[in-house]
PDB file of N, CA and C in Angstrom:
ATOM      1  N   UNK A   1      59.628  61.700  34.393  1.00  0.00           N
ATOM      2  CA  UNK A   1      58.180  61.667  34.336  1.00  0.00           C
ATOM      3  C   UNK A   1      57.676  63.050  33.921  1.00  0.00           C
ATOM      4  N   UNK A   2      56.738  63.080  32.994  1.00  0.00           N
ATOM      5  CA  UNK A   2      56.208  64.350  32.533  1.00  0.00           C
ATOM      6  C   UNK A   2      55.233  64.915  33.557  1.00  0.00           C
ATOM      7  N   UNK A   3      55.043  66.240  33.519  1.00  0.00           N
ATOM      8  CA  UNK A   3      54.168  66.894  34.493  1.00  0.00           C
ATOM      9  C   UNK A   3      52.753  66.340  34.500  1.00  0.00           C
ATOM     10  N   UNK A   4      52.184  66.062  33.310  1.00  0.00           N
ATOM     11  CA  UNK A   4      50.812  65.552  33.275  1.00  0.00           C
ATOM     12  C   UNK A   4      50.728  64.144  33.869  1.00  0.00           C
ATOM     13  N   UNK A   5      51.797  63.332  33.745  1.00  0.00           N
ATOM     14  CA  UNK A   5      51.801  62.015  34.362  1.00  0.00           C
ATOM     15  C   UNK A   5      51.911  62.142  35.872  1.00  0.00           C
ATOM     16  N   UNK A   6      52.747  63.067  36.345  1.00  0.00           N
ATOM     17  CA  UNK A   6      52.952  63.234  37.773  1.00  0.00           C
ATOM     18  C   UNK A   6      51.641  63.618  38.461  1.00  0.00           C
ATOM     19  N   UNK A   7      50.830  64.453  37.816  1.00  0.00           N
ATOM     20  CA  UNK A   7      49.568  64.897  38.407  1.00  0.00           C
ATOM     21  C   UNK A   7      48.586  63.733  38.562  1.00  0.00           C
ATOM     22  N   UNK A   8      48.640  62.756  37.656  1.00  0.00           N
ATOM     23  CA  UNK A   8      47.685  61.654  37.707  1.00  0.00           C
ATOM     24  C   UNK A   8      48.289  60.368  38.274  1.00  0.00           C
ATOM     25  N   UNK A   9      49.569  60.387  38.594  1.00  0.00           N
ATOM     26  CA  UNK A   9      50.231  59.178  39.080  1.00  0.00           C
ATOM     27  C   UNK A   9      49.682  58.773  40.441  1.00  0.00           C
ATOM     28  N   UNK A  10      49.440  57.488  40.626  1.00  0.00           N
ATOM     29  CA  UNK A  10      48.947  57.012  41.919  1.00  0.00           C
ATOM     30  C   UNK A  10      49.978  57.220  43.023  1.00  0.00           C
ATOM     31  N   UNK A  11      49.475  57.412  44.217  1.00  0.00           N
ATOM     32  CA  UNK A  11      50.336  57.487  45.395  1.00  0.00           C
ATOM     33  C   UNK A  11      50.398  56.112  46.036  1.00  0.00           C
ATOM     34  N   UNK A  12      51.414  55.927  46.844  1.00  0.00           N
ATOM     35  CA  UNK A  12      51.615  54.637  47.505  1.00  0.00           C
ATOM     36  C   UNK A  12      50.381  54.222  48.314  1.00  0.00           C
ATOM     37  N   UNK A  13      49.819  55.156  49.082  1.00  0.00           N
ATOM     38  CA  UNK A  13      48.662  54.805  49.917  1.00  0.00           C
ATOM     39  C   UNK A  13      47.433  54.460  49.070  1.00  0.00           C
ATOM     40  N   UNK A  14      47.314  55.034  47.868  1.00  0.00           N
ATOM     41  CA  UNK A  14      46.194  54.684  46.995  1.00  0.00           C
ATOM     42  C   UNK A  14      46.318  53.242  46.501  1.00  0.00           C
ATOM     43  N   UNK A  15      47.538  52.836  46.192  1.00  0.00           N
ATOM     44  CA  UNK A  15      47.755  51.472  45.723  1.00  0.00           C
ATOM     45  C   UNK A  15      47.454  50.481  46.856  1.00  0.00           C
ATOM     46  N   UNK A  16      47.914  50.793  48.061  1.00  0.00           N
ATOM     47  CA  UNK A  16      47.643  49.908  49.202  1.00  0.00           C
ATOM     48  C   UNK A  16      46.150  49.851  49.490  1.00  0.00           C
ATOM     49  N   UNK A  17      45.471  50.983  49.407  1.00  0.00           N
ATOM     50  CA  UNK A  17      44.022  50.997  49.630  1.00  0.00           C
ATOM     51  C   UNK A  17      43.312  50.137  48.581  1.00  0.00           C
ATOM     52  N   UNK A  18      43.784  50.186  47.363  1.00  0.00           N
ATOM     53  CA  UNK A  18      43.161  49.476  46.248  1.00  0.00           C
ATOM     54  C   UNK A  18      43.447  47.976  46.275  1.00  0.00           C
ATOM     55  N   UNK A  19      44.724  47.606  46.534  1.00  0.00           N
ATOM     56  CA  UNK A  19      45.132  46.205  46.408  1.00  0.00           C
ATOM     57  C   UNK A  19      45.572  45.558  47.717  1.00  0.00           C
ATOM     58  N   UNK A  20      45.696  46.331  48.775  1.00  0.00           N
ATOM     59  CA  UNK A  20      46.225  45.793  50.024  1.00  0.00           C
ATOM     60  C   UNK A  20      47.744  45.882  50.038  1.00  0.00           C
ATOM     61  N   UNK A  21      48.340  45.292  51.062  1.00  0.00           N
ATOM     62  CA  UNK A  21      49.799  45.287  51.112  1.00  0.00           C
ATOM     63  C   UNK A  21      50.328  44.256  50.122  1.00  0.00           C
ATOM     64  N   UNK A  22      51.474  44.535  49.515  1.00  0.00           N
ATOM     65  CA  UNK A  22      52.007  43.594  48.524  1.00  0.00           C
ATOM     66  C   UNK A  22      52.383  42.256  49.156  1.00  0.00           C
ATOM     67  N   UNK A  23      52.321  41.216  48.349  1.00  0.00           N
ATOM     68  CA  UNK A  23      52.753  39.893  48.798  1.00  0.00           C
ATOM     69  C   UNK A  23      54.273  39.838  48.920  1.00  0.00           C
ATOM     70  N   UNK A  24      54.952  40.616  48.109  1.00  0.00           N
ATOM     71  CA  UNK A  24      56.411  40.665  48.153  1.00  0.00           C
ATOM     72  C   UNK A  24      56.864  42.072  47.782  1.00  0.00           C
ATOM     73  N   UNK A  25      57.899  42.535  48.462  1.00  0.00           N
ATOM     74  CA  UNK A  25      58.523  43.821  48.146  1.00  0.00           C
ATOM     75  C   UNK A  25      59.988  43.566  47.852  1.00  0.00           C
ATOM     76  N   UNK A  26      60.449  44.090  46.728  1.00  0.00           N
ATOM     77  CA  UNK A  26      61.855  43.981  46.341  1.00  0.00           C
ATOM     78  C   UNK A  26      62.435  45.385  46.408  1.00  0.00           C
ATOM     79  N   UNK A  27      63.525  45.560  47.133  1.00  0.00           N
ATOM     80  CA  UNK A  27      64.094  46.885  47.329  1.00  0.00           C
ATOM     81  C   UNK A  27      63.348  47.599  48.444  1.00  0.00           C
ATOM     82  N   UNK A  28      63.607  48.902  48.560  1.00  0.00           N
ATOM     83  CA  UNK A  28      63.020  49.669  49.650  1.00  0.00           C
ATOM     84  C   UNK A  28      62.919  51.135  49.272  1.00  0.00           C
ATOM     85  N   UNK A  29      61.951  51.781  49.847  1.00  0.00           N
ATOM     86  CA  UNK A  29      61.766  53.221  49.683  1.00  0.00           C
ATOM     87  C   UNK A  29      63.054  53.968  50.018  1.00  0.00           C
ATOM     88  N   UNK A  30      63.749  53.540  51.062  1.00  0.00           N
ATOM     89  CA  UNK A  30      64.939  54.240  51.526  1.00  0.00           C
ATOM     90  C   UNK A  30      66.249  53.679  50.981  1.00  0.00           C
ATOM     91  N   UNK A  31      66.170  52.708  50.104  1.00  0.00           N
ATOM     92  CA  UNK A  31      67.373  52.116  49.524  1.00  0.00           C
ATOM     93  C   UNK A  31      67.748  52.899  48.269  1.00  0.00           C
ATOM     94  N   UNK A  32      68.898  53.557  48.256  1.00  0.00           N
ATOM     95  CA  UNK A  32      69.263  54.377  47.096  1.00  0.00           C
ATOM     96  C   UNK A  32      69.700  53.568  45.877  1.00  0.00           C
ATOM     97  N   UNK A  33      69.954  52.267  46.056  1.00  0.00           N
ATOM     98  CA  UNK A  33      70.420  51.454  44.927  1.00  0.00           C
ATOM     99  C   UNK A  33      69.304  51.258  43.915  1.00  0.00           C
ATOM    100  N   UNK A  34      69.616  51.532  42.651  1.00  0.00           N
ATOM    101  CA  UNK A  34      68.640  51.351  41.588  1.00  0.00           C
ATOM    102  C   UNK A  34      68.783  49.970  40.970  1.00  0.00           C
ATOM    103  N   UNK A  35      67.660  49.420  40.571  1.00  0.00           N
ATOM    104  CA  UNK A  35      67.614  48.146  39.861  1.00  0.00           C
ATOM    105  C   UNK A  35      67.006  48.408  38.495  1.00  0.00           C
ATOM    106  N   UNK A  36      67.234  47.513  37.558  1.00  0.00           N
ATOM    107  CA  UNK A  36      66.674  47.650  36.214  1.00  0.00           C
ATOM    108  C   UNK A  36      65.864  46.415  35.862  1.00  0.00           C
ATOM    109  N   UNK A  37      64.712  46.667  35.249  1.00  0.00           N
ATOM    110  CA  UNK A  37      63.845  45.578  34.806  1.00  0.00           C
ATOM    111  C   UNK A  37      62.824  46.164  33.862  1.00  0.00           C
ATOM    112  N   UNK A  38      62.548  45.485  32.791  1.00  0.00           N
ATOM    113  CA  UNK A  38      61.524  45.910  31.827  1.00  0.00           C
ATOM    114  C   UNK A  38      61.757  47.339  31.335  1.00  0.00           C
ATOM    115  N   UNK A  39      63.009  47.733  31.214  1.00  0.00           N
ATOM    116  CA  UNK A  39      63.335  49.075  30.735  1.00  0.00           C
ATOM    117  C   UNK A  39      63.147  50.170  31.771  1.00  0.00           C
ATOM    118  N   UNK A  40      62.917  49.797  33.016  1.00  0.00           N
ATOM    119  CA  UNK A  40      62.704  50.775  34.094  1.00  0.00           C
ATOM    120  C   UNK A  40      63.871  50.732  35.066  1.00  0.00           C
ATOM    121  N   UNK A  41      64.202  51.878  35.641  1.00  0.00           N
ATOM    122  CA  UNK A  41      65.181  51.957  36.729  1.00  0.00           C
ATOM    123  C   UNK A  41      64.401  52.350  37.967  1.00  0.00           C
ATOM    124  N   UNK A  42      64.388  51.479  38.958  1.00  0.00           N
ATOM    125  CA  UNK A  42      63.549  51.648  40.134  1.00  0.00           C
ATOM    126  C   UNK A  42      64.339  51.270  41.380  1.00  0.00           C
ATOM    127  N   UNK A  43      63.833  51.691  42.535  1.00  0.00           N
ATOM    128  CA  UNK A  43      64.464  51.232  43.770  1.00  0.00           C
ATOM    129  C   UNK A  43      63.512  50.383  44.613  1.00  0.00           C
ATOM    130  N   UNK A  44      62.264  50.250  44.178  1.00  0.00           N
ATOM    131  CA  UNK A  44      61.326  49.401  44.911  1.00  0.00           C
ATOM    132  C   UNK A  44      60.299  48.831  43.943  1.00  0.00           C
ATOM    133  N   UNK A  45      59.976  47.543  44.159  1.00  0.00           N
ATOM    134  CA  UNK A  45      58.993  46.854  43.321  1.00  0.00           C
ATOM    135  C   UNK A  45      58.046  46.123  44.251  1.00  0.00           C
ATOM    136  N   UNK A  46      56.743  46.312  44.017  1.00  0.00           N
ATOM    137  CA  UNK A  46      55.714  45.612  44.778  1.00  0.00           C
ATOM    138  C   UNK A  46      55.123  44.524  43.888  1.00  0.00           C
ATOM    139  N   UNK A  47      54.981  43.337  44.439  1.00  0.00           N
ATOM    140  CA  UNK A  47      54.418  42.216  43.694  1.00  0.00           C
ATOM    141  C   UNK A  47      53.165  41.725  44.415  1.00  0.00           C
ATOM    142  N   UNK A  48      52.071  41.674  43.670  1.00  0.00           N
ATOM    143  CA  UNK A  48      50.803  41.118  44.157  1.00  0.00           C
ATOM    144  C   UNK A  48      50.574  39.825  43.404  1.00  0.00           C
ATOM    145  N   UNK A  49      50.462  38.714  44.115  1.00  0.00           N
ATOM    146  CA  UNK A  49      50.253  37.413  43.469  1.00  0.00           C
ATOM    147  C   UNK A  49      48.766  37.074  43.433  1.00  0.00           C
ATOM    148  N   UNK A  50      48.348  36.540  42.320  1.00  0.00           N
ATOM    149  CA  UNK A  50      46.965  36.079  42.124  1.00  0.00           C
ATOM    150  C   UNK A  50      45.920  37.143  42.465  1.00  0.00           C
ATOM    151  N   UNK A  51      46.031  38.358  41.860  1.00  0.00           N
ATOM    152  CA  UNK A  51      44.989  39.362  42.113  1.00  0.00           C
ATOM    153  C   UNK A  51      43.640  38.806  41.671  1.00  0.00           C
ATOM    154  N   UNK A  52      42.602  39.067  42.432  1.00  0.00           N
ATOM    155  CA  UNK A  52      41.292  38.525  42.078  1.00  0.00           C
ATOM    156  C   UNK A  52      40.297  39.647  41.814  1.00  0.00           C
ATOM    157  N   UNK A  53      39.121  39.253  41.349  1.00  0.00           N
ATOM    158  CA  UNK A  53      38.088  40.220  41.022  1.00  0.00           C
ATOM    159  C   UNK A  53      38.296  40.872  39.666  1.00  0.00           C
ATOM    160  N   UNK A  54      39.106  40.257  38.816  1.00  0.00           N
ATOM    161  CA  UNK A  54      39.412  40.822  37.504  1.00  0.00           C
ATOM    162  C   UNK A  54      39.112  39.791  36.425  1.00  0.00           C
ATOM    163  N   UNK A  55      38.588  40.247  35.310  1.00  0.00           N
ATOM    164  CA  UNK A  55      38.144  39.347  34.243  1.00  0.00           C
ATOM    165  C   UNK A  55      39.264  38.451  33.715  1.00  0.00           C
ATOM    166  N   UNK A  56      40.472  38.978  33.580  1.00  0.00           N
ATOM    167  CA  UNK A  56      41.546  38.189  32.973  1.00  0.00           C
ATOM    168  C   UNK A  56      42.219  37.232  33.956  1.00  0.00           C
ATOM    169  N   UNK A  57      41.900  37.340  35.262  1.00  0.00           N
ATOM    170  CA  UNK A  57      42.494  36.489  36.293  1.00  0.00           C
ATOM    171  C   UNK A  57      44.020  36.472  36.190  1.00  0.00           C
ATOM    172  N   UNK A  58      44.667  37.638  36.261  1.00  0.00           N
ATOM    173  CA  UNK A  58      46.124  37.682  36.125  1.00  0.00           C
ATOM    174  C   UNK A  58      46.820  36.894  37.231  1.00  0.00           C
ATOM    175  N   UNK A  59      48.045  36.450  36.942  1.00  0.00           N
ATOM    176  CA  UNK A  59      48.789  35.718  37.976  1.00  0.00           C
ATOM    177  C   UNK A  59      49.571  36.648  38.880  1.00  0.00           C
ATOM    178  N   UNK A  60      49.881  37.864  38.396  1.00  0.00           N
ATOM    179  CA  UNK A  60      50.583  38.855  39.217  1.00  0.00           C
ATOM    180  C   UNK A  60      50.273  40.261  38.751  1.00  0.00           C
ATOM    181  N   UNK A  61      50.479  41.189  39.655  1.00  0.00           N
ATOM    182  CA  UNK A  61      50.507  42.610  39.313  1.00  0.00           C
ATOM    183  C   UNK A  61      51.796  43.133  39.925  1.00  0.00           C
ATOM    184  N   UNK A  62      52.542  43.907  39.149  1.00  0.00           N
ATOM    185  CA  UNK A  62      53.815  44.453  39.613  1.00  0.00           C
ATOM    186  C   UNK A  62      53.750  45.971  39.520  1.00  0.00           C
ATOM    187  N   UNK A  63      54.120  46.639  40.606  1.00  0.00           N
ATOM    188  CA  UNK A  63      54.121  48.102  40.656  1.00  0.00           C
ATOM    189  C   UNK A  63      55.548  48.547  40.965  1.00  0.00           C
ATOM    190  N   UNK A  64      56.069  49.456  40.146  1.00  0.00           N
ATOM    191  CA  UNK A  64      57.436  49.950  40.292  1.00  0.00           C
ATOM    192  C   UNK A  64      57.430  51.370  40.847  1.00  0.00           C
ATOM    193  N   UNK A  65      58.388  51.635  41.749  1.00  0.00           N
ATOM    194  CA  UNK A  65      58.517  52.942  42.398  1.00  0.00           C
ATOM    195  C   UNK A  65      59.957  53.434  42.327  1.00  0.00           C
ATOM    196  N   UNK A  66      60.093  54.743  42.247  1.00  0.00           N
ATOM    197  CA  UNK A  66      61.381  55.406  42.449  1.00  0.00           C
ATOM    198  C   UNK A  66      61.153  56.317  43.650  1.00  0.00           C
ATOM    199  N   UNK A  67      61.513  55.805  44.815  1.00  0.00           N
ATOM    200  CA  UNK A  67      61.210  56.431  46.101  1.00  0.00           C
ATOM    201  C   UNK A  67      59.691  56.605  46.212  1.00  0.00           C
ATOM    202  N   UNK A  68      59.186  57.823  46.311  1.00  0.00           N
ATOM    203  CA  UNK A  68      57.734  58.033  46.453  1.00  0.00           C
ATOM    204  C   UNK A  68      57.005  58.092  45.121  1.00  0.00           C
ATOM    205  N   UNK A  69      57.736  58.146  44.030  1.00  0.00           N
ATOM    206  CA  UNK A  69      57.129  58.346  42.710  1.00  0.00           C
ATOM    207  C   UNK A  69      56.779  57.028  42.030  1.00  0.00           C
ATOM    208  N   UNK A  70      55.529  56.941  41.600  1.00  0.00           N
ATOM    209  CA  UNK A  70      55.061  55.812  40.802  1.00  0.00           C
ATOM    210  C   UNK A  70      55.773  55.850  39.453  1.00  0.00           C
ATOM    211  N   UNK A  71      56.295  54.710  39.018  1.00  0.00           N
ATOM    212  CA  UNK A  71      56.933  54.632  37.699  1.00  0.00           C
ATOM    213  C   UNK A  71      56.063  53.916  36.687  1.00  0.00           C
ATOM    214  N   UNK A  72      55.578  52.730  37.055  1.00  0.00           N
ATOM    215  CA  UNK A  72      54.805  51.925  36.110  1.00  0.00           C
ATOM    216  C   UNK A  72      54.158  50.765  36.848  1.00  0.00           C
ATOM    217  N   UNK A  73      53.175  50.166  36.177  1.00  0.00           N
ATOM    218  CA  UNK A  73      52.546  48.955  36.706  1.00  0.00           C
ATOM    219  C   UNK A  73      52.271  48.019  35.536  1.00  0.00           C
ATOM    220  N   UNK A  74      52.385  46.733  35.809  1.00  0.00           N
ATOM    221  CA  UNK A  74      52.119  45.702  34.807  1.00  0.00           C
ATOM    222  C   UNK A  74      51.242  44.634  35.427  1.00  0.00           C
ATOM    223  N   UNK A  75      50.303  44.150  34.623  1.00  0.00           N
ATOM    224  CA  UNK A  75      49.503  42.980  34.979  1.00  0.00           C
ATOM    225  C   UNK A  75      50.140  41.809  34.226  1.00  0.00           C
ATOM    226  N   UNK A  76      50.476  40.766  34.928  1.00  0.00           N
ATOM    227  CA  UNK A  76      51.089  39.594  34.301  1.00  0.00           C
ATOM    228  C   UNK A  76      49.994  38.552  34.122  1.00  0.00           C
ATOM    229  N   UNK A  77      49.672  38.277  32.872  1.00  0.00           N
ATOM    230  CA  UNK A  77      48.597  37.329  32.561  1.00  0.00           C
ATOM    231  C   UNK A  77      49.050  35.895  32.819  1.00  0.00           C
ATOM    232  N   UNK A  78      48.114  34.970  32.811  1.00  0.00           N
ATOM    233  CA  UNK A  78      48.415  33.559  33.065  1.00  0.00           C
ATOM    234  C   UNK A  78      49.440  33.004  32.072  1.00  0.00           C
ATOM    235  N   UNK A  79      49.449  33.533  30.843  1.00  0.00           N
ATOM    236  CA  UNK A  79      50.392  33.049  29.827  1.00  0.00           C
ATOM    237  C   UNK A  79      51.750  33.761  29.897  1.00  0.00           C
ATOM    238  N   UNK A  80      51.930  34.653  30.888  1.00  0.00           N
ATOM    239  CA  UNK A  80      53.205  35.333  31.074  1.00  0.00           C
ATOM    240  C   UNK A  80      53.309  36.698  30.408  1.00  0.00           C
ATOM    241  N   UNK A  81      52.323  37.061  29.596  1.00  0.00           N
ATOM    242  CA  UNK A  81      52.365  38.384  28.966  1.00  0.00           C
ATOM    243  C   UNK A  81      52.293  39.468  30.034  1.00  0.00           C
ATOM    244  N   UNK A  82      53.106  40.512  29.870  1.00  0.00           N
ATOM    245  CA  UNK A  82      53.107  41.663  30.782  1.00  0.00           C
ATOM    246  C   UNK A  82      52.333  42.786  30.109  1.00  0.00           C
ATOM    247  N   UNK A  83      51.198  43.159  30.677  1.00  0.00           N
ATOM    248  CA  UNK A  83      50.323  44.181  30.119  1.00  0.00           C
ATOM    249  C   UNK A  83      50.507  45.466  30.931  1.00  0.00           C
ATOM    250  N   UNK A  84      50.994  46.541  30.296  1.00  0.00           N
ATOM    251  CA  UNK A  84      51.137  47.793  31.050  1.00  0.00           C
ATOM    252  C   UNK A  84      49.774  48.320  31.480  1.00  0.00           C
ATOM    253  N   UNK A  85      49.720  48.885  32.675  1.00  0.00           N
ATOM    254  CA  UNK A  85      48.485  49.470  33.190  1.00  0.00           C
ATOM    255  C   UNK A  85      48.700  50.959  33.435  1.00  0.00           C
ATOM    256  N   UNK A  86      47.815  51.757  32.890  1.00  0.00           N
ATOM    257  CA  UNK A  86      47.882  53.202  33.109  1.00  0.00           C
ATOM    258  C   UNK A  86      47.427  53.510  34.537  1.00  0.00           C
ATOM    259  N   UNK A  87      47.763  54.686  35.053  1.00  0.00           N
ATOM    260  CA  UNK A  87      47.267  55.054  36.385  1.00  0.00           C
ATOM    261  C   UNK A  87      45.746  54.956  36.492  1.00  0.00           C
ATOM    262  N   UNK A  88      45.030  55.354  35.439  1.00  0.00           N
ATOM    263  CA  UNK A  88      43.573  55.277  35.448  1.00  0.00           C
ATOM    264  C   UNK A  88      43.072  53.847  35.546  1.00  0.00           C
ATOM    265  N   UNK A  89      43.688  52.947  34.784  1.00  0.00           N
ATOM    266  CA  UNK A  89      43.315  51.532  34.845  1.00  0.00           C
ATOM    267  C   UNK A  89      43.634  50.947  36.216  1.00  0.00           C
ATOM    268  N   UNK A  90      44.776  51.326  36.748  1.00  0.00           N
ATOM    269  CA  UNK A  90      45.233  50.789  38.017  1.00  0.00           C
ATOM    270  C   UNK A  90      44.298  51.151  39.165  1.00  0.00           C
ATOM    271  N   UNK A  91      43.755  52.349  39.131  1.00  0.00           N
ATOM    272  CA  UNK A  91      42.915  52.825  40.235  1.00  0.00           C
ATOM    273  C   UNK A  91      41.422  52.739  39.972  1.00  0.00           C
ATOM    274  N   UNK A  92      41.036  52.205  38.812  1.00  0.00           N
ATOM    275  CA  UNK A  92      39.610  52.080  38.492  1.00  0.00           C
ATOM    276  C   UNK A  92      38.928  51.127  39.472  1.00  0.00           C
ATOM    277  N   UNK A  93      37.697  51.425  39.868  1.00  0.00           N
ATOM    278  CA  UNK A  93      36.979  50.537  40.796  1.00  0.00           C
ATOM    279  C   UNK A  93      36.749  49.157  40.180  1.00  0.00           C
ATOM    280  N   UNK A  94      36.740  48.144  41.008  1.00  0.00           N
ATOM    281  CA  UNK A  94      36.416  46.797  40.562  1.00  0.00           C
ATOM    282  C   UNK A  94      35.751  46.060  41.709  1.00  0.00           C
ATOM    283  N   UNK A  95      35.189  44.903  41.385  1.00  0.00           N
ATOM    284  CA  UNK A  95      34.529  44.086  42.414  1.00  0.00           C
ATOM    285  C   UNK A  95      35.513  43.081  42.963  1.00  0.00           C
ATOM    286  N   UNK A  96      35.344  42.742  44.184  1.00  0.00           N
ATOM    287  CA  UNK A  96      36.190  41.729  44.805  1.00  0.00           C
ATOM    288  C   UNK A  96      37.328  42.352  45.576  1.00  0.00           C
ATOM    289  N   UNK A  97      38.120  41.508  46.189  1.00  0.00           N
ATOM    290  CA  UNK A  97      39.257  41.995  46.969  1.00  0.00           C
ATOM    291  C   UNK A  97      40.468  42.166  46.081  1.00  0.00           C
ATOM    292  N   UNK A  98      41.490  42.819  46.575  1.00  0.00           N
ATOM    293  CA  UNK A  98      42.676  43.132  45.798  1.00  0.00           C
ATOM    294  C   UNK A  98      43.496  41.941  45.392  1.00  0.00           C
ATOM    295  N   UNK A  99      43.702  40.993  46.269  1.00  0.00           N
ATOM    296  CA  UNK A  99      44.441  39.800  45.919  1.00  0.00           C
ATOM    297  C   UNK A  99      44.155  38.723  46.944  1.00  0.00           C
ATOM    298  N   UNK A 100      44.504  37.523  46.590  1.00  0.00           N
ATOM    299  CA  UNK A 100      44.226  36.456  47.537  1.00  0.00           C
ATOM    300  C   UNK A 100      44.524  35.109  46.990  1.00  0.00           C
TER     301      UNK A 100
END
């Protein structure tokens, strides 16, 4: 991760404040085993199902972590497309609750 990304990368507590606790967690903060998906090597993945309050009505949001470090986030649209979300997009204010 580049220095400018690290400075703007969301923290775990910011994501929880924004979206609530994930509906599913794959891996663990303390699990040293790395997994690969979508070109990323991560040890923890948070899945939010049916996030609401968003214009596109995505079916999922996935957030990838390498221990405490944010790696990437994707919004999964109803048609299955995975749309990358920048830290700014991820933390931008919106109306409604995080998921439900």
